[in-house]
PDB file of N, CA and C in Angstrom:
ATOM      1  N   UNK A   1       0.701  -1.396  -0.364  1.00  0.00           N
ATOM      2  CA  UNK A   1      -0.166  -0.464   0.074  1.00  0.00           C
ATOM      3  C   UNK A   1       0.968   1.333   0.101  1.00  0.00           C
ATOM      4  N   UNK A   2       0.661   2.355  -0.596  1.00  0.00           N
ATOM      5  CA  UNK A   2       1.066   3.557  -0.745  1.00  0.00           C
ATOM      6  C   UNK A   2       1.033   4.227   0.507  1.00  0.00           C
ATOM      7  N   UNK A   3       2.163   5.238   1.118  1.00  0.00           N
ATOM      8  CA  UNK A   3       2.650   5.885   1.943  1.00  0.00           C
ATOM      9  C   UNK A   3       1.391   6.583   1.823  1.00  0.00           C
ATOM     10  N   UNK A   4       1.358   7.746   2.882  1.00  0.00           N
ATOM     11  CA  UNK A   4      -0.050   7.971   2.842  1.00  0.00           C
ATOM     12  C   UNK A   4      -0.024   9.928   2.463  1.00  0.00           C
ATOM     13  N   UNK A   5       1.458   9.757   2.138  1.00  0.00           N
ATOM     14  CA  UNK A   5       2.643  11.068   1.611  1.00  0.00           C
ATOM     15  C   UNK A   5       2.768  10.982   0.290  1.00  0.00           C
ATOM     16  N   UNK A   6       2.103   9.806  -0.254  1.00  0.00           N
ATOM     17  CA  UNK A   6       2.172   9.453  -2.253  1.00  0.00           C
ATOM     18  C   UNK A   6       1.575   9.342  -2.411  1.00  0.00           C
ATOM     19  N   UNK A   7       1.249   9.845  -3.838  1.00  0.00           N
ATOM     20  CA  UNK A   7       0.052  10.598  -5.053  1.00  0.00           C
ATOM     21  C   UNK A   7       0.523   9.564  -5.732  1.00  0.00           C
ATOM     22  N   UNK A   8      -0.917   9.467  -6.959  1.00  0.00           N
ATOM     23  CA  UNK A   8      -0.166   8.707  -7.689  1.00  0.00           C
ATOM     24  C   UNK A   8       0.225   9.563  -8.922  1.00  0.00           C
ATOM     25  N   UNK A   9      -0.180  11.033  -9.123  1.00  0.00           N
ATOM     26  CA  UNK A   9      -0.202  11.838  -9.935  1.00  0.00           C
ATOM     27  C   UNK A   9       0.992  12.653  -9.844  1.00  0.00           C
ATOM     28  N   UNK A  10       2.016  12.139  -9.011  1.00  0.00           N
ATOM     29  CA  UNK A  10       3.852  12.825  -9.136  1.00  0.00           C
ATOM     30  C   UNK A  10       4.137  13.081 -10.174  1.00  0.00           C
ATOM     31  N   UNK A  11       4.897  13.469 -10.857  1.00  0.00           N
ATOM     32  CA  UNK A  11       5.450  13.957 -11.592  1.00  0.00           C
ATOM     33  C   UNK A  11       6.303  12.916 -12.146  1.00  0.00           C
ATOM     34  N   UNK A  12       6.848  12.439 -13.455  1.00  0.00           N
ATOM     35  CA  UNK A  12       7.771  11.596 -13.315  1.00  0.00           C
ATOM     36  C   UNK A  12       9.003  11.678 -13.746  1.00  0.00           C
ATOM     37  N   UNK A  13      10.259  11.456 -13.172  1.00  0.00           N
ATOM     38  CA  UNK A  13      11.465  12.007 -13.285  1.00  0.00           C
ATOM     39  C   UNK A  13      12.027  11.675 -14.190  1.00  0.00           C
ATOM     40  N   UNK A  14      13.279  12.969 -14.954  1.00  0.00           N
ATOM     41  CA  UNK A  14      13.594  12.946 -16.091  1.00  0.00           C
ATOM     42  C   UNK A  14      13.960  11.493 -16.357  1.00  0.00           C
ATOM     43  N   UNK A  15      14.951  10.246 -15.592  1.00  0.00           N
ATOM     44  CA  UNK A  15      14.670   9.233 -15.879  1.00  0.00           C
ATOM     45  C   UNK A  15      12.997   8.756 -16.259  1.00  0.00           C
ATOM     46  N   UNK A  16      12.563   8.751 -15.575  1.00  0.00           N
ATOM     47  CA  UNK A  16      11.663   7.611 -15.864  1.00  0.00           C
ATOM     48  C   UNK A  16      10.767   8.090 -17.234  1.00  0.00           C
ATOM     49  N   UNK A  17      10.820   9.535 -16.856  1.00  0.00           N
ATOM     50  CA  UNK A  17      10.173  10.455 -19.013  1.00  0.00           C
ATOM     51  C   UNK A  17      11.374   9.403 -19.441  1.00  0.00           C
ATOM     52  N   UNK A  18      12.540   9.254 -19.732  1.00  0.00           N
ATOM     53  CA  UNK A  18      13.467   8.542 -20.707  1.00  0.00           C
ATOM     54  C   UNK A  18      12.381   6.911 -20.849  1.00  0.00           C
ATOM     55  N   UNK A  19      12.452   6.529 -20.087  1.00  0.00           N
ATOM     56  CA  UNK A  19      12.061   4.991 -20.024  1.00  0.00           C
ATOM     57  C   UNK A  19      10.960   5.226 -20.960  1.00  0.00           C
ATOM     58  N   UNK A  20       9.707   6.187 -20.254  1.00  0.00           N
ATOM     59  CA  UNK A  20       8.569   5.907 -21.365  1.00  0.00           C
ATOM     60  C   UNK A  20       8.764   6.442 -22.723  1.00  0.00           C
ATOM     61  N   UNK A  21       9.454   7.141 -22.948  1.00  0.00           N
ATOM     62  CA  UNK A  21       9.810   7.797 -24.041  1.00  0.00           C
ATOM     63  C   UNK A  21      10.015   6.413 -24.934  1.00  0.00           C
ATOM     64  N   UNK A  22      11.054   6.257 -24.500  1.00  0.00           N
ATOM     65  CA  UNK A  22      12.480   4.606 -25.437  1.00  0.00           C
ATOM     66  C   UNK A  22      11.302   3.342 -25.750  1.00  0.00           C
ATOM     67  N   UNK A  23      10.590   3.625 -24.059  1.00  0.00           N
ATOM     68  CA  UNK A  23       9.531   1.721 -24.084  1.00  0.00           C
ATOM     69  C   UNK A  23       8.362   2.511 -25.264  1.00  0.00           C
ATOM     70  N   UNK A  24       7.253   3.727 -25.613  1.00  0.00           N
ATOM     71  CA  UNK A  24       7.041   3.694 -26.406  1.00  0.00           C
ATOM     72  C   UNK A  24       7.496   4.179 -28.406  1.00  0.00           C
ATOM     73  N   UNK A  25       8.489   3.878 -28.335  1.00  0.00           N
ATOM     74  CA  UNK A  25       9.655   4.258 -29.514  1.00  0.00           C
ATOM     75  C   UNK A  25       9.708   2.687 -29.738  1.00  0.00           C
ATOM     76  N   UNK A  26      10.076   2.129 -28.855  1.00  0.00           N
ATOM     77  CA  UNK A  26      10.201   0.156 -28.629  1.00  0.00           C
ATOM     78  C   UNK A  26       8.815  -0.561 -29.714  1.00  0.00           C
ATOM     79  N   UNK A  27       8.109  -0.191 -28.677  1.00  0.00           N
ATOM     80  CA  UNK A  27       6.600  -0.765 -29.399  1.00  0.00           C
ATOM     81  C   UNK A  27       6.171  -0.370 -30.364  1.00  0.00           C
ATOM     82  N   UNK A  28       6.444   1.379 -30.588  1.00  0.00           N
ATOM     83  CA  UNK A  28       6.490   1.513 -32.306  1.00  0.00           C
ATOM     84  C   UNK A  28       6.988   1.223 -33.138  1.00  0.00           C
ATOM     85  N   UNK A  29       8.078   0.958 -33.565  1.00  0.00           N
ATOM     86  CA  UNK A  29       9.088  -0.033 -33.918  1.00  0.00           C
ATOM     87  C   UNK A  29       8.497  -1.282 -34.154  1.00  0.00           C
ATOM     88  N   UNK A  30       7.834  -2.269 -32.994  1.00  0.00           N
ATOM     89  CA  UNK A  30       7.929  -3.371 -33.460  1.00  0.00           C
ATOM     90  C   UNK A  30       6.525  -2.926 -34.558  1.00  0.00           C
ATOM     91  N   UNK A  31       5.417  -2.806 -33.582  1.00  0.00           N
ATOM     92  CA  UNK A  31       4.473  -2.269 -33.925  1.00  0.00           C
ATOM     93  C   UNK A  31       4.065  -2.256 -35.778  1.00  0.00           C
ATOM     94  N   UNK A  32       5.353  -1.234 -36.057  1.00  0.00           N
ATOM     95  CA  UNK A  32       5.412  -0.982 -37.554  1.00  0.00           C
ATOM     96  C   UNK A  32       5.602  -1.968 -38.425  1.00  0.00           C
ATOM     97  N   UNK A  33       6.717  -2.685 -37.887  1.00  0.00           N
ATOM     98  CA  UNK A  33       7.519  -3.816 -38.352  1.00  0.00           C
ATOM     99  C   UNK A  33       6.209  -4.336 -38.718  1.00  0.00           C
ATOM    100  N   UNK A  34       5.942  -4.942 -37.723  1.00  0.00           N
ATOM    101  CA  UNK A  34       4.199  -6.293 -37.776  1.00  0.00           C
ATOM    102  C   UNK A  34       3.053  -5.895 -38.751  1.00  0.00           C
ATOM    103  N   UNK A  35       2.601  -4.963 -38.937  1.00  0.00           N
ATOM    104  CA  UNK A  35       1.662  -3.859 -39.517  1.00  0.00           C
ATOM    105  C   UNK A  35       2.336  -3.877 -41.077  1.00  0.00           C
ATOM    106  N   UNK A  36       3.486  -3.148 -41.145  1.00  0.00           N
ATOM    107  CA  UNK A  36       4.354  -3.577 -42.998  1.00  0.00           C
ATOM    108  C   UNK A  36       4.411  -4.813 -42.639  1.00  0.00           C
ATOM    109  N   UNK A  37       4.951  -6.286 -42.496  1.00  0.00           N
ATOM    110  CA  UNK A  37       4.730  -7.458 -42.665  1.00  0.00           C
ATOM    111  C   UNK A  37       3.474  -7.701 -43.103  1.00  0.00           C
ATOM    112  N   UNK A  38       2.454  -7.596 -42.667  1.00  0.00           N
ATOM    113  CA  UNK A  38       1.390  -7.901 -42.743  1.00  0.00           C
ATOM    114  C   UNK A  38       0.919  -7.317 -43.776  1.00  0.00           C
ATOM    115  N   UNK A  39       0.957  -5.980 -43.643  1.00  0.00           N
ATOM    116  CA  UNK A  39       0.417  -5.115 -45.223  1.00  0.00           C
ATOM    117  C   UNK A  39       0.470  -6.208 -46.936  1.00  0.00           C
ATOM    118  N   UNK A  40       2.305  -6.427 -46.589  1.00  0.00           N
ATOM    119  CA  UNK A  40       2.534  -7.042 -47.594  1.00  0.00           C
ATOM    120  C   UNK A  40       2.078  -8.016 -48.194  1.00  0.00           C
ATOM    121  N   UNK A  41       1.820  -8.866 -46.795  1.00  0.00           N
ATOM    122  CA  UNK A  41       1.384  -9.945 -47.276  1.00  0.00           C
ATOM    123  C   UNK A  41      -0.292 -10.223 -47.347  1.00  0.00           C
ATOM    124  N   UNK A  42      -0.716  -9.398 -47.256  1.00  0.00           N
ATOM    125  CA  UNK A  42      -2.430  -9.453 -47.234  1.00  0.00           C
ATOM    126  C   UNK A  42      -2.778  -9.346 -48.456  1.00  0.00           C
ATOM    127  N   UNK A  43      -4.062  -9.795 -48.454  1.00  0.00           N
ATOM    128  CA  UNK A  43      -4.292 -10.412 -50.075  1.00  0.00           C
ATOM    129  C   UNK A  43      -5.668  -9.383 -50.205  1.00  0.00           C
ATOM    130  N   UNK A  44      -5.680  -8.094 -49.483  1.00  0.00           N
ATOM    131  CA  UNK A  44      -6.769  -7.412 -49.686  1.00  0.00           C
ATOM    132  C   UNK A  44      -6.287  -6.200 -49.696  1.00  0.00           C
ATOM    133  N   UNK A  45      -6.903  -4.617 -49.801  1.00  0.00           N
ATOM    134  CA  UNK A  45      -5.783  -3.462 -49.151  1.00  0.00           C
ATOM    135  C   UNK A  45      -6.692  -3.082 -48.149  1.00  0.00           C
ATOM    136  N   UNK A  46      -6.037  -2.236 -47.265  1.00  0.00           N
ATOM    137  CA  UNK A  46      -6.896  -1.961 -45.864  1.00  0.00           C
ATOM    138  C   UNK A  46      -7.804  -1.298 -45.777  1.00  0.00           C
ATOM    139  N   UNK A  47      -8.572  -0.722 -46.827  1.00  0.00           N
ATOM    140  CA  UNK A  47     -10.177  -0.478 -47.043  1.00  0.00           C
ATOM    141  C   UNK A  47     -10.893  -1.786 -47.126  1.00  0.00           C
ATOM    142  N   UNK A  48     -10.454  -3.095 -47.750  1.00  0.00           N
ATOM    143  CA  UNK A  48     -11.203  -3.754 -47.557  1.00  0.00           C
ATOM    144  C   UNK A  48     -11.238  -4.364 -47.107  1.00  0.00           C
ATOM    145  N   UNK A  49      -9.839  -4.651 -46.443  1.00  0.00           N
ATOM    146  CA  UNK A  49      -9.961  -5.436 -44.964  1.00  0.00           C
ATOM    147  C   UNK A  49     -11.396  -4.691 -43.881  1.00  0.00           C
ATOM    148  N   UNK A  50     -10.967  -3.353 -43.498  1.00  0.00           N
ATOM    149  CA  UNK A  50     -11.900  -2.431 -43.057  1.00  0.00           C
ATOM    150  C   UNK A  50     -13.547  -2.618 -42.896  1.00  0.00           C
ATOM    151  N   UNK A  51     -13.988  -2.470 -44.111  1.00  0.00           N
ATOM    152  CA  UNK A  51     -14.972  -2.664 -44.103  1.00  0.00           C
ATOM    153  C   UNK A  51     -15.596  -4.603 -44.109  1.00  0.00           C
ATOM    154  N   UNK A  52     -14.645  -5.109 -44.286  1.00  0.00           N
ATOM    155  CA  UNK A  52     -14.970  -6.430 -44.089  1.00  0.00           C
ATOM    156  C   UNK A  52     -15.388  -6.602 -42.696  1.00  0.00           C
ATOM    157  N   UNK A  53     -14.393  -5.769 -41.996  1.00  0.00           N
ATOM    158  CA  UNK A  53     -14.409  -5.997 -40.151  1.00  0.00           C
ATOM    159  C   UNK A  53     -15.632  -5.232 -39.937  1.00  0.00           C
ATOM    160  N   UNK A  54     -16.544  -4.127 -40.737  1.00  0.00           N
ATOM    161  CA  UNK A  54     -17.476  -3.393 -40.259  1.00  0.00           C
ATOM    162  C   UNK A  54     -18.606  -4.267 -41.058  1.00  0.00           C
ATOM    163  N   UNK A  55     -18.905  -5.470 -41.566  1.00  0.00           N
ATOM    164  CA  UNK A  55     -19.801  -5.967 -42.104  1.00  0.00           C
ATOM    165  C   UNK A  55     -20.451  -6.970 -41.113  1.00  0.00           C
ATOM    166  N   UNK A  56     -19.525  -7.876 -39.839  1.00  0.00           N
ATOM    167  CA  UNK A  56     -20.309  -8.281 -39.138  1.00  0.00           C
ATOM    168  C   UNK A  56     -20.495  -7.389 -37.809  1.00  0.00           C
ATOM    169  N   UNK A  57     -22.165  -7.637 -36.602  1.00  0.00           N
ATOM    170  CA  UNK A  57     -21.335  -7.134 -35.838  1.00  0.00           C
ATOM    171  C   UNK A  57     -20.488  -7.131 -34.730  1.00  0.00           C
ATOM    172  N   UNK A  58     -20.051  -8.166 -34.353  1.00  0.00           N
ATOM    173  CA  UNK A  58     -19.008  -8.692 -33.702  1.00  0.00           C
ATOM    174  C   UNK A  58     -17.844  -8.083 -33.972  1.00  0.00           C
ATOM    175  N   UNK A  59     -17.440  -7.570 -35.293  1.00  0.00           N
ATOM    176  CA  UNK A  59     -16.329  -7.561 -35.181  1.00  0.00           C
ATOM    177  C   UNK A  59     -16.459  -5.749 -35.756  1.00  0.00           C
ATOM    178  N   UNK A  60     -17.457  -5.447 -36.010  1.00  0.00           N
ATOM    179  CA  UNK A  60     -18.196  -3.848 -35.871  1.00  0.00           C
ATOM    180  C   UNK A  60     -17.711  -3.464 -34.254  1.00  0.00           C
ATOM    181  N   UNK A  61     -18.191  -3.806 -33.203  1.00  0.00           N
ATOM    182  CA  UNK A  61     -18.562  -3.537 -31.988  1.00  0.00           C
ATOM    183  C   UNK A  61     -16.571  -3.869 -32.015  1.00  0.00           C
ATOM    184  N   UNK A  62     -15.557  -4.628 -32.236  1.00  0.00           N
ATOM    185  CA  UNK A  62     -14.206  -4.198 -32.195  1.00  0.00           C
ATOM    186  C   UNK A  62     -13.953  -2.516 -32.169  1.00  0.00           C
ATOM    187  N   UNK A  63     -14.367  -2.991 -34.063  1.00  0.00           N
ATOM    188  CA  UNK A  63     -13.613  -1.152 -34.241  1.00  0.00           C
ATOM    189  C   UNK A  63     -13.999  -0.626 -33.959  1.00  0.00           C
ATOM    190  N   UNK A  64     -15.127  -0.351 -33.210  1.00  0.00           N
ATOM    191  CA  UNK A  64     -15.638   1.047 -32.912  1.00  0.00           C
ATOM    192  C   UNK A  64     -15.205   0.660 -31.260  1.00  0.00           C
ATOM    193  N   UNK A  65     -14.895  -0.149 -30.434  1.00  0.00           N
ATOM    194  CA  UNK A  65     -14.495   0.204 -29.866  1.00  0.00           C
ATOM    195  C   UNK A  65     -13.033   0.694 -29.588  1.00  0.00           C
ATOM    196  N   UNK A  66     -11.760   0.516 -30.252  1.00  0.00           N
ATOM    197  CA  UNK A  66     -10.905   0.999 -30.942  1.00  0.00           C
ATOM    198  C   UNK A  66     -11.331   2.151 -31.289  1.00  0.00           C
ATOM    199  N   UNK A  67     -11.633   2.661 -32.349  1.00  0.00           N
ATOM    200  CA  UNK A  67     -11.477   3.963 -32.477  1.00  0.00           C
ATOM    201  C   UNK A  67     -12.200   5.085 -31.468  1.00  0.00           C
ATOM    202  N   UNK A  68     -13.094   4.372 -30.590  1.00  0.00           N
ATOM    203  CA  UNK A  68     -13.389   5.349 -29.803  1.00  0.00           C
ATOM    204  C   UNK A  68     -12.741   5.971 -28.241  1.00  0.00           C
ATOM    205  N   UNK A  69     -11.362   4.270 -28.545  1.00  0.00           N
ATOM    206  CA  UNK A  69     -10.419   4.530 -27.526  1.00  0.00           C
ATOM    207  C   UNK A  69      -9.358   5.208 -28.441  1.00  0.00           C
ATOM    208  N   UNK A  70      -9.251   5.572 -29.961  1.00  0.00           N
ATOM    209  CA  UNK A  70      -8.255   6.624 -30.392  1.00  0.00           C
ATOM    210  C   UNK A  70      -9.196   7.723 -30.709  1.00  0.00           C
ATOM    211  N   UNK A  71     -10.480   8.052 -30.244  1.00  0.00           N
ATOM    212  CA  UNK A  71     -10.483   9.645 -30.262  1.00  0.00           C
ATOM    213  C   UNK A  71     -10.121   9.945 -28.528  1.00  0.00           C
ATOM    214  N   UNK A  72      -9.715   8.613 -27.422  1.00  0.00           N
ATOM    215  CA  UNK A  72     -10.128   9.497 -26.024  1.00  0.00           C
ATOM    216  C   UNK A  72      -8.124   9.829 -26.728  1.00  0.00           C
ATOM    217  N   UNK A  73      -7.732   8.618 -27.128  1.00  0.00           N
ATOM    218  CA  UNK A  73      -5.923   8.568 -27.160  1.00  0.00           C
ATOM    219  C   UNK A  73      -6.178  10.335 -28.407  1.00  0.00           C
ATOM    220  N   UNK A  74      -7.166  10.812 -28.409  1.00  0.00           N
ATOM    221  CA  UNK A  74      -7.393  12.273 -29.757  1.00  0.00           C
ATOM    222  C   UNK A  74      -6.950  13.497 -28.944  1.00  0.00           C
ATOM    223  N   UNK A  75      -7.879  13.286 -28.122  1.00  0.00           N
ATOM    224  CA  UNK A  75      -8.285  14.674 -26.803  1.00  0.00           C
ATOM    225  C   UNK A  75      -7.098  14.446 -25.762  1.00  0.00           C
ATOM    226  N   UNK A  76      -6.815  13.335 -25.750  1.00  0.00           N
ATOM    227  CA  UNK A  76      -5.792  13.012 -24.627  1.00  0.00           C
ATOM    228  C   UNK A  76      -4.016  14.411 -25.569  1.00  0.00           C
ATOM    229  N   UNK A  77      -4.006  13.766 -26.265  1.00  0.00           N
ATOM    230  CA  UNK A  77      -2.715  14.364 -26.898  1.00  0.00           C
ATOM    231  C   UNK A  77      -2.738  15.785 -26.768  1.00  0.00           C
ATOM    232  N   UNK A  78      -4.131  16.264 -27.431  1.00  0.00           N
ATOM    233  CA  UNK A  78      -4.590  18.231 -27.425  1.00  0.00           C
ATOM    234  C   UNK A  78      -4.330  18.537 -26.243  1.00  0.00           C
ATOM    235  N   UNK A  79      -4.763  18.288 -25.697  1.00  0.00           N
ATOM    236  CA  UNK A  79      -4.473  18.339 -24.000  1.00  0.00           C
ATOM    237  C   UNK A  79      -3.136  18.327 -23.667  1.00  0.00           C
ATOM    238  N   UNK A  80      -2.639  17.602 -24.324  1.00  0.00           N
ATOM    239  CA  UNK A  80      -0.527  17.202 -23.220  1.00  0.00           C
ATOM    240  C   UNK A  80       0.057  17.904 -24.008  1.00  0.00           C
ATOM    241  N   UNK A  81      -0.305  18.378 -25.602  1.00  0.00           N
ATOM    242  CA  UNK A  81       0.255  18.971 -26.422  1.00  0.00           C
ATOM    243  C   UNK A  81      -0.079  20.478 -25.686  1.00  0.00           C
ATOM    244  N   UNK A  82      -1.089  21.407 -25.249  1.00  0.00           N
ATOM    245  CA  UNK A  82      -1.098  22.224 -24.507  1.00  0.00           C
ATOM    246  C   UNK A  82      -0.543  22.853 -23.384  1.00  0.00           C
ATOM    247  N   UNK A  83      -0.717  21.994 -22.263  1.00  0.00           N
ATOM    248  CA  UNK A  83      -0.349  21.714 -21.027  1.00  0.00           C
ATOM    249  C   UNK A  83       1.023  21.908 -20.890  1.00  0.00           C
ATOM    250  N   UNK A  84       1.635  21.690 -22.240  1.00  0.00           N
ATOM    251  CA  UNK A  84       2.931  22.043 -22.181  1.00  0.00           C
ATOM    252  C   UNK A  84       3.626  23.202 -23.217  1.00  0.00           C
ATOM    253  N   UNK A  85       2.683  23.860 -23.640  1.00  0.00           N
ATOM    254  CA  UNK A  85       2.960  24.937 -24.210  1.00  0.00           C
ATOM    255  C   UNK A  85       2.719  25.133 -25.905  1.00  0.00           C
ATOM    256  N   UNK A  86       2.310  23.895 -26.202  1.00  0.00           N
ATOM    257  CA  UNK A  86       2.024  23.794 -27.870  1.00  0.00           C
ATOM    258  C   UNK A  86       0.758  24.044 -27.931  1.00  0.00           C
ATOM    259  N   UNK A  87       0.953  24.067 -29.607  1.00  0.00           N
ATOM    260  CA  UNK A  87      -0.824  23.789 -29.965  1.00  0.00           C
ATOM    261  C   UNK A  87      -1.545  22.963 -30.499  1.00  0.00           C
ATOM    262  N   UNK A  88      -2.537  23.354 -30.893  1.00  0.00           N
ATOM    263  CA  UNK A  88      -3.154  21.668 -30.996  1.00  0.00           C
ATOM    264  C   UNK A  88      -3.131  21.456 -32.630  1.00  0.00           C
ATOM    265  N   UNK A  89      -2.503  22.447 -32.929  1.00  0.00           N
ATOM    266  CA  UNK A  89      -2.072  22.754 -34.482  1.00  0.00           C
ATOM    267  C   UNK A  89      -1.050  21.358 -35.080  1.00  0.00           C
ATOM    268  N   UNK A  90      -0.070  21.569 -33.597  1.00  0.00           N
ATOM    269  CA  UNK A  90       0.754  20.362 -33.560  1.00  0.00           C
ATOM    270  C   UNK A  90       0.752  19.032 -33.329  1.00  0.00           C
ATOM    271  N   UNK A  91       0.015  18.777 -33.211  1.00  0.00           N
ATOM    272  CA  UNK A  91      -0.688  17.417 -33.022  1.00  0.00           C
ATOM    273  C   UNK A  91      -1.379  17.108 -34.155  1.00  0.00           C
ATOM    274  N   UNK A  92      -1.604  17.488 -35.054  1.00  0.00           N
ATOM    275  CA  UNK A  92      -2.458  17.121 -36.122  1.00  0.00           C
ATOM    276  C   UNK A  92      -1.426  16.042 -36.932  1.00  0.00           C
ATOM    277  N   UNK A  93      -0.588  16.077 -37.539  1.00  0.00           N
ATOM    278  CA  UNK A  93       0.496  15.382 -37.383  1.00  0.00           C
ATOM    279  C   UNK A  93       0.056  13.215 -37.032  1.00  0.00           C
ATOM    280  N   UNK A  94      -0.296  13.564 -35.725  1.00  0.00           N
ATOM    281  CA  UNK A  94      -0.168  12.165 -35.053  1.00  0.00           C
ATOM    282  C   UNK A  94      -2.288  11.963 -34.868  1.00  0.00           C
ATOM    283  N   UNK A  95      -2.438  13.276 -34.840  1.00  0.00           N
ATOM    284  CA  UNK A  95      -4.117  12.407 -34.806  1.00  0.00           C
ATOM    285  C   UNK A  95      -3.927  12.109 -35.787  1.00  0.00           C
ATOM    286  N   UNK A  96      -3.540  12.096 -37.646  1.00  0.00           N
ATOM    287  CA  UNK A  96      -3.876  11.758 -38.796  1.00  0.00           C
ATOM    288  C   UNK A  96      -3.207  10.322 -39.037  1.00  0.00           C
ATOM    289  N   UNK A  97      -2.500  10.486 -38.184  1.00  0.00           N
ATOM    290  CA  UNK A  97      -1.993   8.651 -37.745  1.00  0.00           C
ATOM    291  C   UNK A  97      -2.572   8.066 -37.639  1.00  0.00           C
ATOM    292  N   UNK A  98      -3.111   8.577 -36.071  1.00  0.00           N
ATOM    293  CA  UNK A  98      -3.620   8.159 -35.669  1.00  0.00           C
ATOM    294  C   UNK A  98      -5.427   7.437 -36.522  1.00  0.00           C
ATOM    295  N   UNK A  99      -5.543   8.095 -37.100  1.00  0.00           N
ATOM    296  CA  UNK A  99      -7.081   7.975 -38.021  1.00  0.00           C
ATOM    297  C   UNK A  99      -6.870   6.535 -38.151  1.00  0.00           C
ATOM    298  N   UNK A 100      -6.030   6.523 -38.834  1.00  0.00           N
ATOM    299  CA  UNK A 100      -5.384   5.441 -39.915  1.00  0.00           C
ATOM    300  C   UNK A 100      -4.861   4.214 -39.500  1.00  0.00           C
ATOM    301  N   UNK A 101      -3.972   4.504 -38.622  1.00  0.00           N
ATOM    302  CA  UNK A 101      -3.091   3.115 -37.304  1.00  0.00           C
ATOM    303  C   UNK A 101      -2.899   3.224 -36.469  1.00  0.00           C
ATOM    304  N   UNK A 102      -4.272   3.973 -35.380  1.00  0.00           N
ATOM    305  CA  UNK A 102      -4.675   3.914 -33.732  1.00  0.00           C
ATOM    306  C   UNK A 102      -3.493   3.938 -33.285  1.00  0.00           C
ATOM    307  N   UNK A 103      -2.907   3.266 -32.944  1.00  0.00           N
ATOM    308  CA  UNK A 103      -2.625   3.601 -31.594  1.00  0.00           C
ATOM    309  C   UNK A 103      -0.929   3.902 -31.824  1.00  0.00           C
ATOM    310  N   UNK A 104      -0.224   3.718 -33.599  1.00  0.00           N
ATOM    311  CA  UNK A 104       0.589   4.356 -34.555  1.00  0.00           C
ATOM    312  C   UNK A 104       0.991   5.650 -33.289  1.00  0.00           C
ATOM    313  N   UNK A 105      -0.315   6.636 -34.040  1.00  0.00           N
ATOM    314  CA  UNK A 105      -0.219   8.058 -33.323  1.00  0.00           C
ATOM    315  C   UNK A 105       0.400   8.549 -32.015  1.00  0.00           C
ATOM    316  N   UNK A 106      -0.182   7.713 -31.086  1.00  0.00           N
ATOM    317  CA  UNK A 106       0.212   8.173 -29.951  1.00  0.00           C
ATOM    318  C   UNK A 106       1.289   7.543 -29.455  1.00  0.00           C
ATOM    319  N   UNK A 107       1.627   6.280 -29.674  1.00  0.00           N
ATOM    320  CA  UNK A 107       2.932   5.639 -29.921  1.00  0.00           C
ATOM    321  C   UNK A 107       3.927   6.958 -29.890  1.00  0.00           C
ATOM    322  N   UNK A 108       3.832   7.146 -31.200  1.00  0.00           N
ATOM    323  CA  UNK A 108       4.717   8.192 -32.258  1.00  0.00           C
ATOM    324  C   UNK A 108       4.561   9.861 -31.211  1.00  0.00           C
ATOM    325  N   UNK A 109       3.722   9.900 -30.394  1.00  0.00           N
ATOM    326  CA  UNK A 109       3.266  11.183 -29.848  1.00  0.00           C
ATOM    327  C   UNK A 109       4.262  10.664 -28.337  1.00  0.00           C
ATOM    328  N   UNK A 110       3.690  10.469 -27.646  1.00  0.00           N
ATOM    329  CA  UNK A 110       4.487  10.229 -26.611  1.00  0.00           C
ATOM    330  C   UNK A 110       6.005   9.473 -27.121  1.00  0.00           C
ATOM    331  N   UNK A 111       6.862   9.364 -28.029  1.00  0.00           N
ATOM    332  CA  UNK A 111       8.093   8.696 -28.291  1.00  0.00           C
ATOM    333  C   UNK A 111       8.837  10.295 -28.491  1.00  0.00           C
ATOM    334  N   UNK A 112       7.959  10.824 -29.002  1.00  0.00           N
ATOM    335  CA  UNK A 112       8.788  12.785 -29.668  1.00  0.00           C
ATOM    336  C   UNK A 112       8.403  13.562 -28.997  1.00  0.00           C
ATOM    337  N   UNK A 113       7.197  13.348 -27.939  1.00  0.00           N
ATOM    338  CA  UNK A 113       6.681  14.718 -27.487  1.00  0.00           C
ATOM    339  C   UNK A 113       7.595  15.602 -26.654  1.00  0.00           C
ATOM    340  N   UNK A 114       7.534  16.875 -26.665  1.00  0.00           N
ATOM    341  CA  UNK A 114       8.542  17.355 -25.639  1.00  0.00           C
ATOM    342  C   UNK A 114       8.026  17.437 -24.277  1.00  0.00           C
ATOM    343  N   UNK A 115       9.494  18.262 -23.513  1.00  0.00           N
ATOM    344  CA  UNK A 115       9.226  18.266 -22.164  1.00  0.00           C
ATOM    345  C   UNK A 115       8.416  19.124 -21.749  1.00  0.00           C
ATOM    346  N   UNK A 116       7.585  19.363 -20.297  1.00  0.00           N
ATOM    347  CA  UNK A 116       7.268  20.268 -20.006  1.00  0.00           C
ATOM    348  C   UNK A 116       7.519  21.243 -19.741  1.00  0.00           C
ATOM    349  N   UNK A 117       7.193  23.352 -19.646  1.00  0.00           N
ATOM    350  CA  UNK A 117       8.100  24.237 -19.846  1.00  0.00           C
ATOM    351  C   UNK A 117       9.306  24.348 -18.527  1.00  0.00           C
TER     352      UNK A 117
END
């Protein structure tokens, strides 16, 4: 159990921030390589695959859930960027990547975001 003086929202130390950045970058690289590999061996386009997923209620539910989480991640990225002194316009590339590849956008944002002023 945590000490009563310890809060869960303590700022990360510089060392822990670097660990988070490297972890996000590592996961992003592995995920990007896997995605690239699957796209090269797929026998249908990404759009056709997406439409096929939306054709059935069970798989459509998973896609909808995934994009709800992506929307929450986009809101977080905009808010985080603004809290770091940036503009929402600086987050647009990450939002576009998120719209297509979902988790790649937030992972890239975490790996590359600037430190708080």
